C-alpha atoms as a PDB file:
ATOM      1  CA  UNK A   1      56.010  27.707-113.169  1.00  0.00           C
ATOM      2  CA  UNK A   2      58.730  25.163-113.966  1.00  0.00           C
ATOM      3  CA  UNK A   3      56.925  22.638-111.770  1.00  0.00           C
ATOM      4  CA  UNK A   4      53.780  23.277-113.813  1.00  0.00           C
ATOM      5  CA  UNK A   5      55.662  22.654-117.062  1.00  0.00           C
ATOM      6  CA  UNK A   6      57.284  19.499-115.718  1.00  0.00           C
ATOM      7  CA  UNK A   7      53.954  17.808-115.031  1.00  0.00           C
ATOM      8  CA  UNK A   8      53.431  16.637-118.624  1.00  0.00           C
ATOM      9  CA  UNK A   9      56.838  14.998-119.216  1.00  0.00           C
ATOM     10  CA  UNK A  10      56.841  13.502-115.723  1.00  0.00           C
ATOM     11  CA  UNK A  11      53.450  12.016-116.511  1.00  0.00           C
ATOM     12  CA  UNK A  12      54.836  10.660-119.778  1.00  0.00           C
ATOM     13  CA  UNK A  13      57.796   9.081-117.955  1.00  0.00           C
ATOM     14  CA  UNK A  14      55.398   7.487-115.478  1.00  0.00           C
ATOM     15  CA  UNK A  15      53.301   6.172-118.369  1.00  0.00           C
ATOM     16  CA  UNK A  16      56.369   4.681-120.075  1.00  0.00           C
ATOM     17  CA  UNK A  17      57.483   2.917-116.885  1.00  0.00           C
ATOM     18  CA  UNK A  18      53.953   1.658-116.299  1.00  0.00           C
ATOM     19  CA  UNK A  19      53.900   0.321-119.859  1.00  0.00           C
ATOM     20  CA  UNK A  20      56.987  -1.765-119.115  1.00  0.00           C
ATOM     21  CA  UNK A  21      55.443  -3.086-115.906  1.00  0.00           C
ATOM     22  CA  UNK A  22      52.198  -3.992-117.681  1.00  0.00           C
ATOM     23  CA  UNK A  23      54.038  -5.884-120.416  1.00  0.00           C
ATOM     24  CA  UNK A  24      55.960  -7.877-117.815  1.00  0.00           C
ATOM     25  CA  UNK A  25      52.898  -8.570-115.670  1.00  0.00           C
ATOM     26  CA  UNK A  26      50.799  -9.646-118.655  1.00  0.00           C
ATOM     27  CA  UNK A  27      53.247 -12.381-119.585  1.00  0.00           C
ATOM     28  CA  UNK A  28      53.406 -11.102-123.155  1.00  0.00           C
ATOM     29  CA  UNK A  29      57.137 -11.768-123.209  1.00  0.00           C
ATOM     30  CA  UNK A  30      58.459 -15.162-122.180  1.00  0.00           C
ATOM     31  CA  UNK A  31      61.958 -14.233-121.074  1.00  0.00           C
ATOM     32  CA  UNK A  32      62.994 -17.888-121.165  1.00  0.00           C
ATOM     33  CA  UNK A  33      62.458 -17.791-124.928  1.00  0.00           C
ATOM     34  CA  UNK A  34      65.262 -16.309-127.061  1.00  0.00           C
ATOM     35  CA  UNK A  35      62.903 -14.678-129.595  1.00  0.00           C
ATOM     36  CA  UNK A  36      60.778 -13.119-126.857  1.00  0.00           C
ATOM     37  CA  UNK A  37      63.879 -11.848-125.064  1.00  0.00           C
ATOM     38  CA  UNK A  38      64.972 -10.142-128.275  1.00  0.00           C
ATOM     39  CA  UNK A  39      61.529  -8.569-128.739  1.00  0.00           C
ATOM     40  CA  UNK A  40      61.540  -7.426-125.115  1.00  0.00           C
ATOM     41  CA  UNK A  41      64.946  -5.784-125.547  1.00  0.00           C
ATOM     42  CA  UNK A  42      63.654  -3.900-128.604  1.00  0.00           C
ATOM     43  CA  UNK A  43      60.606  -2.818-126.586  1.00  0.00           C
ATOM     44  CA  UNK A  44      62.824  -1.673-123.700  1.00  0.00           C
ATOM     45  CA  UNK A  45      65.127   0.233-126.038  1.00  0.00           C
ATOM     46  CA  UNK A  46      62.157   2.115-127.480  1.00  0.00           C
ATOM     47  CA  UNK A  47      60.882   3.011-124.001  1.00  0.00           C
ATOM     48  CA  UNK A  48      64.384   4.005-122.893  1.00  0.00           C
ATOM     49  CA  UNK A  49      64.684   6.317-125.893  1.00  0.00           C
ATOM     50  CA  UNK A  50      61.337   7.937-125.063  1.00  0.00           C
ATOM     51  CA  UNK A  51      62.237   8.422-121.400  1.00  0.00           C
ATOM     52  CA  UNK A  52      65.574   9.951-122.381  1.00  0.00           C
ATOM     53  CA  UNK A  53      63.764  12.429-124.661  1.00  0.00           C
ATOM     54  CA  UNK A  54      61.449  13.401-121.801  1.00  0.00           C
ATOM     55  CA  UNK A  55      64.431  13.930-119.474  1.00  0.00           C
ATOM     56  CA  UNK A  56      66.136  16.103-122.103  1.00  0.00           C
ATOM     57  CA  UNK A  57      62.940  18.137-122.324  1.00  0.00           C
ATOM     58  CA  UNK A  58      62.938  18.630-118.539  1.00  0.00           C
ATOM     59  CA  UNK A  59      66.503  19.916-118.725  1.00  0.00           C
ATOM     60  CA  UNK A  60      65.692  22.200-121.667  1.00  0.00           C
ATOM     61  CA  UNK A  61      62.702  23.609-119.786  1.00  0.00           C
ATOM     62  CA  UNK A  62      64.970  24.668-116.932  1.00  0.00           C
ATOM     63  CA  UNK A  63      67.319  26.378-119.394  1.00  0.00           C
ATOM     64  CA  UNK A  64      64.421  28.067-121.176  1.00  0.00           C
ATOM     65  CA  UNK A  65      63.156  29.697-117.994  1.00  0.00           C
ATOM     66  CA  UNK A  66      66.675  30.676-116.941  1.00  0.00           C
ATOM     67  CA  UNK A  67      67.020  32.509-120.269  1.00  0.00           C
ATOM     68  CA  UNK A  68      63.415  33.670-120.465  1.00  0.00           C
ATOM     69  CA  UNK A  69      64.262  37.388-120.530  1.00  0.00           C
ATOM     70  CA  UNK A  70      67.666  37.049-122.194  1.00  0.00           C
ATOM     71  CA  UNK A  71      67.636  39.430-125.198  1.00  0.00           C
ATOM     72  CA  UNK A  72      70.523  37.569-126.856  1.00  0.00           C
ATOM     73  CA  UNK A  73      68.943  34.125-127.118  1.00  0.00           C
ATOM     74  CA  UNK A  74      68.638  32.823-130.665  1.00  0.00           C
ATOM     75  CA  UNK A  75      65.663  31.571-132.634  1.00  0.00           C
ATOM     76  CA  UNK A  76      65.430  28.339-134.624  1.00  0.00           C
ATOM     77  CA  UNK A  77      64.227  28.023-138.199  1.00  0.00           C
ATOM     78  CA  UNK A  78      61.732  25.158-138.178  1.00  0.00           C
ATOM     79  CA  UNK A  79      58.450  24.162-139.764  1.00  0.00           C
ATOM     80  CA  UNK A  80      55.377  25.376-137.931  1.00  0.00           C
ATOM     81  CA  UNK A  81      54.395  21.786-137.086  1.00  0.00           C
ATOM     82  CA  UNK A  82      57.722  20.829-135.455  1.00  0.00           C
ATOM     83  CA  UNK A  83      57.013  22.068-131.892  1.00  0.00           C
ATOM     84  CA  UNK A  84      53.501  20.598-132.125  1.00  0.00           C
ATOM     85  CA  UNK A  85      54.850  17.162-133.030  1.00  0.00           C
ATOM     86  CA  UNK A  86      57.360  17.351-130.181  1.00  0.00           C
ATOM     87  CA  UNK A  87      54.589  18.262-127.750  1.00  0.00           C
ATOM     88  CA  UNK A  88      52.480  15.345-128.960  1.00  0.00           C
ATOM     89  CA  UNK A  89      55.361  12.922-128.386  1.00  0.00           C
ATOM     90  CA  UNK A  90      55.158  13.908-124.726  1.00  0.00           C
ATOM     91  CA  UNK A  91      51.401  13.949-124.128  1.00  0.00           C
ATOM     92  CA  UNK A  92      49.690  11.847-126.782  1.00  0.00           C
ATOM     93  CA  UNK A  93      50.129   8.404-125.206  1.00  0.00           C
ATOM     94  CA  UNK A  94      49.133   9.496-121.672  1.00  0.00           C
ATOM     95  CA  UNK A  95      46.101  11.291-123.117  1.00  0.00           C
ATOM     96  CA  UNK A  96      45.117   8.275-125.196  1.00  0.00           C
ATOM     97  CA  UNK A  97      45.288   6.211-122.009  1.00  0.00           C
ATOM     98  CA  UNK A  98      42.701   8.627-120.579  1.00  0.00           C
ATOM     99  CA  UNK A  99      40.463   8.137-123.620  1.00  0.00           C
ATOM    100  CA  UNK A 100      41.293  11.497-125.221  1.00  0.00           C
ATOM    101  CA  UNK A 101      41.515  11.436-129.019  1.00  0.00           C
ATOM    102  CA  UNK A 102      43.901  13.881-130.711  1.00  0.00           C
ATOM    103  CA  UNK A 103      43.739  14.573-134.448  1.00  0.00           C
ATOM    104  CA  UNK A 104      46.070  16.739-136.516  1.00  0.00           C
ATOM    105  CA  UNK A 105      45.776  18.509-139.844  1.00  0.00           C
ATOM    106  CA  UNK A 106      49.014  20.155-140.916  1.00  0.00           C
ATOM    107  CA  UNK A 107      48.325  22.075-144.082  1.00  0.00           C
ATOM    108  CA  UNK A 108      51.090  23.920-145.956  1.00  0.00           C
ATOM    109  CA  UNK A 109      53.861  23.455-143.389  1.00  0.00           C
ATOM    110  CA  UNK A 110      55.657  26.785-143.692  1.00  0.00           C
ATOM    111  CA  UNK A 111      58.944  27.431-141.946  1.00  0.00           C
ATOM    112  CA  UNK A 112      59.177  30.077-139.293  1.00  0.00           C
ATOM    113  CA  UNK A 113      61.867  31.664-137.144  1.00  0.00           C
ATOM    114  CA  UNK A 114      60.859  30.962-133.558  1.00  0.00           C
ATOM    115  CA  UNK A 115      61.939  30.074-130.057  1.00  0.00           C
ATOM    116  CA  UNK A 116      60.975  26.483-130.681  1.00  0.00           C
ATOM    117  CA  UNK A 117      60.867  25.319-127.066  1.00  0.00           C
ATOM    118  CA  UNK A 118      58.697  28.272-126.065  1.00  0.00           C
ATOM    119  CA  UNK A 119      56.107  27.427-128.721  1.00  0.00           C
ATOM    120  CA  UNK A 120      56.290  23.801-127.576  1.00  0.00           C
ATOM    121  CA  UNK A 121      55.586  24.976-124.006  1.00  0.00           C
ATOM    122  CA  UNK A 122      52.572  26.962-125.181  1.00  0.00           C
ATOM    123  CA  UNK A 123      51.126  23.977-127.045  1.00  0.00           C
ATOM    124  CA  UNK A 124      51.684  21.765-123.988  1.00  0.00           C
ATOM    125  CA  UNK A 125      49.939  24.301-121.747  1.00  0.00           C
ATOM    126  CA  UNK A 126      46.879  24.423-123.971  1.00  0.00           C
ATOM    127  CA  UNK A 127      46.706  20.635-124.323  1.00  0.00           C
ATOM    128  CA  UNK A 128      47.092  20.169-120.568  1.00  0.00           C
ATOM    129  CA  UNK A 129      44.296  22.666-119.903  1.00  0.00           C
ATOM    130  CA  UNK A 130      42.020  20.672-122.203  1.00  0.00           C
ATOM    131  CA  UNK A 131      42.951  17.433-120.451  1.00  0.00           C
ATOM    132  CA  UNK A 132      42.262  18.883-116.996  1.00  0.00           C
ATOM    133  CA  UNK A 133      38.923  20.247-118.196  1.00  0.00           C
ATOM    134  CA  UNK A 134      37.922  16.873-119.657  1.00  0.00           C
ATOM    135  CA  UNK A 135      38.707  15.143-116.369  1.00  0.00           C
ATOM    136  CA  UNK A 136      36.882  17.677-114.194  1.00  0.00           C
ATOM    137  CA  UNK A 137      33.771  17.595-116.387  1.00  0.00           C
ATOM    138  CA  UNK A 138      34.067  13.841-117.041  1.00  0.00           C
ATOM    139  CA  UNK A 139      33.620  14.476-120.762  1.00  0.00           C
ATOM    140  CA  UNK A 140      32.798  11.391-122.802  1.00  0.00           C
ATOM    141  CA  UNK A 141      34.399  10.933-126.251  1.00  0.00           C
ATOM    142  CA  UNK A 142      36.873  13.706-125.471  1.00  0.00           C
ATOM    143  CA  UNK A 143      38.547  15.071-128.589  1.00  0.00           C
ATOM    144  CA  UNK A 144      41.224  17.626-129.428  1.00  0.00           C
ATOM    145  CA  UNK A 145      41.938  18.796-132.972  1.00  0.00           C
ATOM    146  CA  UNK A 146      45.120  20.621-133.945  1.00  0.00           C
ATOM    147  CA  UNK A 147      45.430  22.410-137.278  1.00  0.00           C
ATOM    148  CA  UNK A 148      47.993  24.622-138.955  1.00  0.00           C
ATOM    149  CA  UNK A 149      47.086  27.181-141.595  1.00  0.00           C
ATOM    150  CA  UNK A 150      49.214  29.586-143.593  1.00  0.00           C
ATOM    151  CA  UNK A 151      48.617  32.487-145.932  1.00  0.00           C
ATOM    152  CA  UNK A 152      50.827  35.211-147.361  1.00  0.00           C
ATOM    153  CA  UNK A 153      51.151  37.031-144.046  1.00  0.00           C
ATOM    154  CA  UNK A 154      50.395  34.572-141.244  1.00  0.00           C
ATOM    155  CA  UNK A 155      51.102  31.148-139.799  1.00  0.00           C
ATOM    156  CA  UNK A 156      48.253  29.967-137.582  1.00  0.00           C
ATOM    157  CA  UNK A 157      47.914  27.098-135.120  1.00  0.00           C
ATOM    158  CA  UNK A 158      44.436  26.234-133.841  1.00  0.00           C
ATOM    159  CA  UNK A 159      43.855  23.851-130.937  1.00  0.00           C
ATOM    160  CA  UNK A 160      40.190  23.059-130.336  1.00  0.00           C
ATOM    161  CA  UNK A 161      38.438  20.664-127.976  1.00  0.00           C
ATOM    162  CA  UNK A 162      34.915  19.479-127.227  1.00  0.00           C
ATOM    163  CA  UNK A 163      35.088  20.150-123.496  1.00  0.00           C
ATOM    164  CA  UNK A 164      32.172  22.565-123.280  1.00  0.00           C
ATOM    165  CA  UNK A 165      34.111  25.789-123.659  1.00  0.00           C
ATOM    166  CA  UNK A 166      35.211  28.554-121.292  1.00  0.00           C
ATOM    167  CA  UNK A 167      32.455  30.224-119.242  1.00  0.00           C
ATOM    168  CA  UNK A 168      31.686  33.557-120.891  1.00  0.00           C
ATOM    169  CA  UNK A 169      32.121  35.468-117.626  1.00  0.00           C
ATOM    170  CA  UNK A 170      35.806  34.469-117.406  1.00  0.00           C
ATOM    171  CA  UNK A 171      36.653  34.339-121.115  1.00  0.00           C
ATOM    172  CA  UNK A 172      38.403  37.720-120.958  1.00  0.00           C
ATOM    173  CA  UNK A 173      40.434  36.854-117.858  1.00  0.00           C
ATOM    174  CA  UNK A 174      41.965  33.434-118.617  1.00  0.00           C
ATOM    175  CA  UNK A 175      45.286  35.009-119.648  1.00  0.00           C
ATOM    176  CA  UNK A 176      45.637  37.122-116.513  1.00  0.00           C
ATOM    177  CA  UNK A 177      48.383  36.157-114.029  1.00  0.00           C
ATOM    178  CA  UNK A 178      47.359  33.893-111.143  1.00  0.00           C
ATOM    179  CA  UNK A 179      43.904  33.344-112.600  1.00  0.00           C
ATOM    180  CA  UNK A 180      42.949  29.677-112.455  1.00  0.00           C
ATOM    181  CA  UNK A 181      39.792  27.598-112.362  1.00  0.00           C
ATOM    182  CA  UNK A 182      41.774  24.661-110.931  1.00  0.00           C
ATOM    183  CA  UNK A 183      42.479  23.828-107.332  1.00  0.00           C
ATOM    184  CA  UNK A 184      45.777  24.853-105.752  1.00  0.00           C
ATOM    185  CA  UNK A 185      47.355  21.456-106.387  1.00  0.00           C
ATOM    186  CA  UNK A 186      46.666  21.438-110.126  1.00  0.00           C
ATOM    187  CA  UNK A 187      46.892  25.081-111.117  1.00  0.00           C
ATOM    188  CA  UNK A 188      49.145  28.080-110.514  1.00  0.00           C
ATOM    189  CA  UNK A 189      47.312  30.515-112.766  1.00  0.00           C
ATOM    190  CA  UNK A 190      50.536  31.203-114.673  1.00  0.00           C
ATOM    191  CA  UNK A 191      50.416  28.749-117.576  1.00  0.00           C
ATOM    192  CA  UNK A 192      48.260  30.747-119.989  1.00  0.00           C
ATOM    193  CA  UNK A 193      49.691  34.054-118.768  1.00  0.00           C
ATOM    194  CA  UNK A 194      53.239  32.935-119.589  1.00  0.00           C
ATOM    195  CA  UNK A 195      52.014  31.423-122.858  1.00  0.00           C
ATOM    196  CA  UNK A 196      50.633  34.790-123.920  1.00  0.00           C
ATOM    197  CA  UNK A 197      53.954  36.474-123.112  1.00  0.00           C
ATOM    198  CA  UNK A 198      55.839  33.854-125.137  1.00  0.00           C
ATOM    199  CA  UNK A 199      53.663  34.315-128.213  1.00  0.00           C
ATOM    200  CA  UNK A 200      52.903  38.034-128.115  1.00  0.00           C
ATOM    201  CA  UNK A 201      56.027  39.583-126.585  1.00  0.00           C
ATOM    202  CA  UNK A 202      58.678  37.105-127.746  1.00  0.00           C
ATOM    203  CA  UNK A 203      57.253  36.376-131.211  1.00  0.00           C
ATOM    204  CA  UNK A 204      55.143  39.434-131.999  1.00  0.00           C
ATOM    205  CA  UNK A 205      52.155  37.161-132.489  1.00  0.00           C
ATOM    206  CA  UNK A 206      48.683  36.765-131.026  1.00  0.00           C
ATOM    207  CA  UNK A 207      47.277  34.167-128.623  1.00  0.00           C
ATOM    208  CA  UNK A 208      43.534  34.157-128.086  1.00  0.00           C
ATOM    209  CA  UNK A 209      40.697  31.831-127.164  1.00  0.00           C
ATOM    210  CA  UNK A 210      37.082  31.693-128.259  1.00  0.00           C
ATOM    211  CA  UNK A 211      34.191  29.339-127.720  1.00  0.00           C
ATOM    212  CA  UNK A 212      32.532  27.249-130.384  1.00  0.00           C
ATOM    213  CA  UNK A 213      29.454  25.044-130.131  1.00  0.00           C
ATOM    214  CA  UNK A 214      31.011  22.178-128.179  1.00  0.00           C
ATOM    215  CA  UNK A 215      34.233  23.533-126.740  1.00  0.00           C
ATOM    216  CA  UNK A 216      37.068  26.051-126.739  1.00  0.00           C
ATOM    217  CA  UNK A 217      39.453  26.995-129.550  1.00  0.00           C
ATOM    218  CA  UNK A 218      42.863  28.486-128.872  1.00  0.00           C
ATOM    219  CA  UNK A 219      44.469  30.294-131.774  1.00  0.00           C
ATOM    220  CA  UNK A 220      48.187  31.057-132.078  1.00  0.00           C
ATOM    221  CA  UNK A 221      48.890  33.550-134.856  1.00  0.00           C
ATOM    222  CA  UNK A 222      52.390  34.317-136.097  1.00  0.00           C
ATOM    223  CA  UNK A 223      52.378  37.449-138.185  1.00  0.00           C
ATOM    224  CA  UNK A 224      54.876  36.414-140.855  1.00  0.00           C
ATOM    225  CA  UNK A 225      56.520  33.435-142.490  1.00  0.00           C
ATOM    226  CA  UNK A 226      60.234  32.783-142.445  1.00  0.00           C
ATOM    227  CA  UNK A 227      61.095  34.870-145.491  1.00  0.00           C
ATOM    228  CA  UNK A 228      59.458  37.897-143.879  1.00  0.00           C
ATOM    229  CA  UNK A 229      61.059  37.670-140.439  1.00  0.00           C
ATOM    230  CA  UNK A 230      64.266  39.477-139.563  1.00  0.00           C
END
């Protein structure tokens, strides 16, 4: 399961390193020129910062799974969009390189008491499933939309794509353990199962999926806002 979760940040690290190599190979920076050297150092510092964030995420993932069933772990108080933004920092550039467009619409950004890294993991799992589906089906103009909604009693995250949806015959089984439509190399069948545990058992929420005209929509529902959570 940890190996499954590490795929996204490892891919992001690979993309960052490749970006450095491309810049060097393209001759964009003339390292014999003082101004270009300065620009290149700024570029490298930015990439170094990103890679360091990805490495920290890898370390945090290991800790999260070590403490997965620890009843004494503490929750963070963060806005509902925070784990989404952190997930996008990891996957957005690699997905854009694959031609996948991601749009966001964060409406009233309520705060919530949550295991932030677990929610981040869930968002990453859903995004990665969409990416894999796009690649298998060779979807053109692939798009993912992420929205947050709040009302008096709920905080809701919706993640929808235009990848053709989940076949109706397996729609009720996608959250079962070891169920996967991917080959052995790319899927363990645990990602969505663990995601459901994280949302429903650890947060008292709901994780479901439904089809729409052109794709699948995952919905993460937290039952209360911060001022209603013990």
